[in-house]
Protein backbone atom coordinates (compact mmCIF):
# COMPACT_ATOMS: atom_id res chain seq x y z
CA MET A 1 -25.49 -2.76 53.79
CA ILE A 2 -22.83 -4.30 51.58
CA LYS A 3 -21.50 -1.97 48.89
CA LYS A 4 -20.48 -2.85 45.37
CA VAL A 5 -17.87 -0.89 43.42
CA TYR A 6 -18.09 -0.74 39.64
CA TYR A 7 -15.24 0.55 37.50
CA TYR A 8 -15.23 1.47 33.83
CA THR A 9 -12.05 1.94 31.85
CA LEU A 10 -11.55 4.05 28.73
CA LYS A 11 -11.76 0.78 26.84
CA ASP A 12 -15.25 0.26 28.30
CA ILE A 13 -16.33 3.83 27.69
CA TRP A 14 -15.28 3.68 24.02
CA ASN A 15 -16.50 0.15 23.48
CA SER A 16 -18.62 1.26 20.55
CA ASP A 17 -15.56 2.44 18.63
CA LEU A 18 -12.55 0.19 19.10
CA MET A 19 -10.78 1.80 16.15
CA TRP A 20 -9.55 4.59 18.44
CA GLN A 21 -6.75 2.25 19.48
CA PHE A 22 -5.30 2.36 15.96
CA LYS A 23 -5.30 6.09 15.24
CA LYS A 24 -3.83 9.26 16.62
CA LEU A 25 -6.45 10.89 18.77
CA SER A 26 -7.44 14.53 18.55
CA PHE A 27 -7.68 16.60 21.72
CA GLU A 28 -10.30 18.85 20.18
CA ASP A 29 -12.27 16.34 18.10
CA ASP A 30 -12.23 13.40 20.53
CA LEU A 31 -12.40 15.15 23.90
CA LEU A 32 -13.69 18.70 23.62
CA SER A 33 -16.28 17.84 20.98
CA ALA A 34 -17.31 14.76 22.98
CA LEU A 35 -18.06 16.97 25.98
CA LEU A 36 -20.13 19.19 23.73
CA ASP A 37 -21.99 16.14 22.44
CA LEU A 38 -22.81 15.27 26.04
CA GLY A 39 -24.58 18.59 26.34
CA ASN A 40 -21.84 20.60 28.03
CA GLU A 41 -22.06 23.78 25.99
CA ASP A 42 -20.25 25.67 28.74
CA ILE A 43 -17.02 23.97 27.63
CA ALA A 44 -16.32 27.10 25.59
CA GLU A 45 -15.98 29.02 28.85
CA THR A 46 -13.35 26.66 30.25
CA GLN A 47 -10.13 28.55 30.86
CA LEU A 48 -7.76 26.50 28.74
CA PRO A 49 -4.31 27.86 27.87
CA ASP A 50 -3.43 29.02 24.37
CA TYR A 51 -2.17 25.56 23.48
CA ASP A 52 -0.31 24.05 20.53
CA GLU A 53 -2.75 21.66 18.80
CA ASP A 54 -0.14 19.11 17.70
CA LEU A 55 1.31 18.92 21.21
CA ALA A 56 -2.16 18.60 22.77
CA ASP A 57 -3.05 15.79 20.33
CA GLU A 58 0.18 13.94 21.04
CA LEU A 59 -0.33 14.15 24.80
CA TYR A 60 -3.97 13.02 24.61
CA SER A 61 -3.07 10.07 22.38
CA LEU A 62 -0.28 8.97 24.72
CA VAL A 63 -2.40 9.32 27.86
CA CYS A 64 -5.26 7.31 26.39
CA GLY A 65 -2.89 4.75 24.90
CA ARG A 66 -1.04 4.17 28.15
CA TYR A 67 -4.00 4.20 30.53
CA TYR A 68 -6.87 2.85 28.43
CA ASN A 69 -7.10 -0.20 30.72
CA LEU A 70 -7.21 1.77 34.00
CA PRO A 71 -10.53 2.73 35.62
CA ALA A 72 -11.63 6.16 34.49
CA ILE A 73 -15.04 6.29 36.20
CA LYS A 74 -16.30 4.64 39.37
CA PHE A 75 -19.69 3.88 40.93
CA VAL A 76 -20.40 2.75 44.48
CA LYS A 77 -23.75 0.96 44.74
CA ASN A 78 -25.72 -0.99 47.26
CA GLU A 79 -25.58 -4.74 46.89
CA CYS A 80 -29.01 -4.89 45.32
CA GLU A 81 -28.30 -2.17 42.72
CA GLU A 82 -26.97 -2.81 39.26
CA ALA A 83 -24.13 -0.88 37.67
CA PRO A 84 -25.24 2.11 35.60
CA GLN A 85 -25.50 1.44 31.87
CA ARG A 86 -23.94 3.51 29.11
CA HIS A 87 -27.15 5.27 28.10
CA THR A 88 -28.08 6.49 31.62
CA GLN A 89 -27.57 10.08 32.70
CA GLU A 90 -25.63 8.93 35.75
CA TYR A 91 -23.10 7.17 33.53
CA ILE A 92 -22.85 10.12 31.13
CA ASP A 93 -22.29 12.52 34.04
CA GLU A 94 -19.32 10.47 35.26
CA VAL A 95 -17.77 10.43 31.79
CA HIS A 96 -18.28 14.19 31.71
CA LYS A 97 -16.48 14.52 35.08
CA TRP A 98 -13.53 12.50 33.79
CA GLY A 99 -13.26 14.82 30.79
CA TYR A 100 -13.15 17.84 33.05
CA ARG A 101 -10.54 16.20 35.29
CA TYR A 102 -8.41 15.82 32.17
CA LEU A 103 -8.95 19.45 31.16
CA SER A 104 -8.16 20.69 34.65
CA LEU A 105 -4.87 18.79 34.81
CA PHE A 106 -4.01 19.84 31.25
CA ASN A 107 -4.54 23.46 32.21
CA GLU A 108 -2.47 23.04 35.37
CA THR A 109 0.55 21.41 33.73
CA TYR A 110 0.62 22.78 30.18
CA ASP A 111 2.85 25.80 30.65
CA TYR A 112 5.51 23.87 32.58
CA TYR A 113 5.91 21.06 30.05
CA ALA A 114 5.03 22.79 26.79
CA THR A 115 7.63 25.53 27.23
CA LEU A 116 10.49 23.02 27.01
CA LEU A 117 8.86 20.56 24.63
CA LEU A 118 8.21 23.23 22.02
CA GLN A 119 11.80 24.43 22.41
CA TYR A 120 13.06 20.90 21.74
CA ALA A 121 10.81 20.58 18.71
CA GLY A 122 12.01 23.90 17.32
CA ALA A 123 15.67 23.04 17.93
CA LYS A 124 15.52 20.34 15.28
CA ASP A 125 15.10 23.03 12.61
CA SER A 126 18.58 24.44 13.31
CA LEU A 127 20.41 21.13 13.54
CA MET A 128 22.11 21.56 10.17
CA ALA A 129 23.87 24.73 11.29
CA ASP A 130 27.38 24.15 12.61
CA ILE A 131 28.62 25.83 15.75
CA LYS A 132 30.76 28.77 14.59
CA ALA A 133 33.34 30.89 16.40
CA THR A 134 34.63 34.27 15.16
CA SER A 135 38.01 35.59 16.31
CA LYS A 136 39.56 39.06 15.91
CA ASN A 137 43.17 39.87 16.80
CA LYS A 138 45.07 43.16 16.70
CA VAL A 139 48.81 43.44 17.35
CA LYS A 140 50.54 46.79 17.85
CA PHE A 141 54.36 47.06 17.89
CA ASN A 142 56.35 50.12 18.81
CA ASP A 143 60.12 49.99 18.21
CA THR A 144 60.71 53.72 18.71
CA PRO A 145 63.68 54.22 21.11
CA GLN A 146 62.40 55.13 24.54
CA ASN A 147 63.74 57.91 26.71
CA THR A 148 63.91 56.52 30.21
CA ASN A 149 64.16 60.03 31.65
CA VAL A 150 60.83 61.18 30.25
CA SER A 151 58.00 58.72 31.05
CA GLY A 152 55.34 58.20 28.40
CA THR A 153 56.99 60.30 25.72
CA TYR A 154 56.76 57.66 23.00
CA GLU A 155 53.81 55.52 24.17
CA GLY A 156 50.93 56.88 22.05
CA ASP A 157 49.50 55.37 18.87
CA ASN A 158 51.47 58.01 16.95
CA TYR A 159 54.65 55.99 17.56
CA ILE A 160 53.35 52.57 16.43
CA THR A 161 55.68 51.26 13.74
CA HIS A 162 53.95 47.96 12.94
CA PHE A 163 50.22 47.11 13.15
CA THR A 164 48.71 43.71 12.35
CA SER A 165 44.98 42.87 12.32
CA THR A 166 43.53 39.40 11.69
CA GLU A 167 39.96 38.20 11.60
CA GLY A 168 38.67 34.70 10.99
CA GLU A 169 35.77 32.32 11.49
CA ASN A 170 36.01 28.66 12.41
CA SER A 171 33.19 26.18 11.92
CA SER A 172 33.55 22.97 13.88
CA PRO A 173 30.56 21.04 15.28
CA LEU A 174 31.15 19.82 18.83
CA MET A 175 29.20 16.67 18.03
CA SER A 176 27.71 15.10 14.93
CA LYS A 177 24.28 16.20 13.77
CA ILE A 178 22.95 12.70 14.44
CA MET A 179 24.19 12.88 18.03
CA ARG A 180 22.57 16.27 18.51
CA LEU A 181 19.30 15.00 17.04
CA LYS A 182 19.36 12.00 19.37
CA GLU A 183 20.01 14.21 22.38
CA ILE A 184 17.04 16.44 21.52
CA GLN A 185 14.74 13.50 20.84
CA ASP A 186 15.77 11.73 24.04
CA ASN A 187 15.12 14.85 26.09
CA TYR A 188 11.77 15.39 24.33
CA ARG A 189 10.69 11.78 24.88
CA ASP A 190 11.70 11.77 28.56
CA LEU A 191 9.87 15.01 29.30
CA MET A 192 6.74 13.93 27.40
CA SER A 193 6.75 10.62 29.29
CA GLU A 194 6.97 12.52 32.57
CA TRP A 195 3.98 14.64 31.52
CA VAL A 196 1.96 11.52 30.65
CA ASN A 197 2.85 10.07 34.06
CA ASP A 198 1.19 13.07 35.73
CA PHE A 199 -2.15 12.07 34.18
CA ARG A 200 -2.29 8.79 36.05
CA ARG A 201 -3.83 10.71 38.94
CA ILE A 202 -7.12 11.19 37.04
CA PHE A 203 -7.63 7.41 36.97
CA TYR A 204 -8.72 5.20 39.85
CA GLU A 205 -6.71 2.41 41.38
CA GLU A 206 -8.94 -0.61 41.76
CA ASP A 207 -9.61 -1.64 45.36
CA CYS A 208 -8.18 -5.15 45.42
């Protein structure tokens, strides 16, 4: 029996609302609530990490934006069978499975990526502070005549004739604030892009 393979992309799944392509998506409102709408009340029991909402939204938007044209769900049918339609339970179940694949990978990778990404985001708050160095110097001078026959006779602090103490603070940025901002943003962007790349595995490669 000849088999037919049917693929549906995120673009197909969301065909009823094309406006998603022009807005920032919400991890909670557009994914978690969608799973609830599909009747998966047990989503509340899913062991998700204690995540940062803004970071989760940014990741979800980037994943969907980059991979919206890749197959998200797949059906293998006999030659005489038609592809499942959007309203069928079979179709809905596959969309539900894709959502859980996303949640599983999110849970698996969040701690690794979020730890650094949140550090980069927080570093921007302290960019205006220059790098400062504090120096302290003390100079002791003893010009008391020494008796070479009696070792250590005049070596104590009691015989110090001159004492100088200086303390100062220098403020000199090693690089301009713009350069530091660019470095942080470049590192943030590269790491976020790497995280988005990991999510390619929850999509199918079409059998060409």
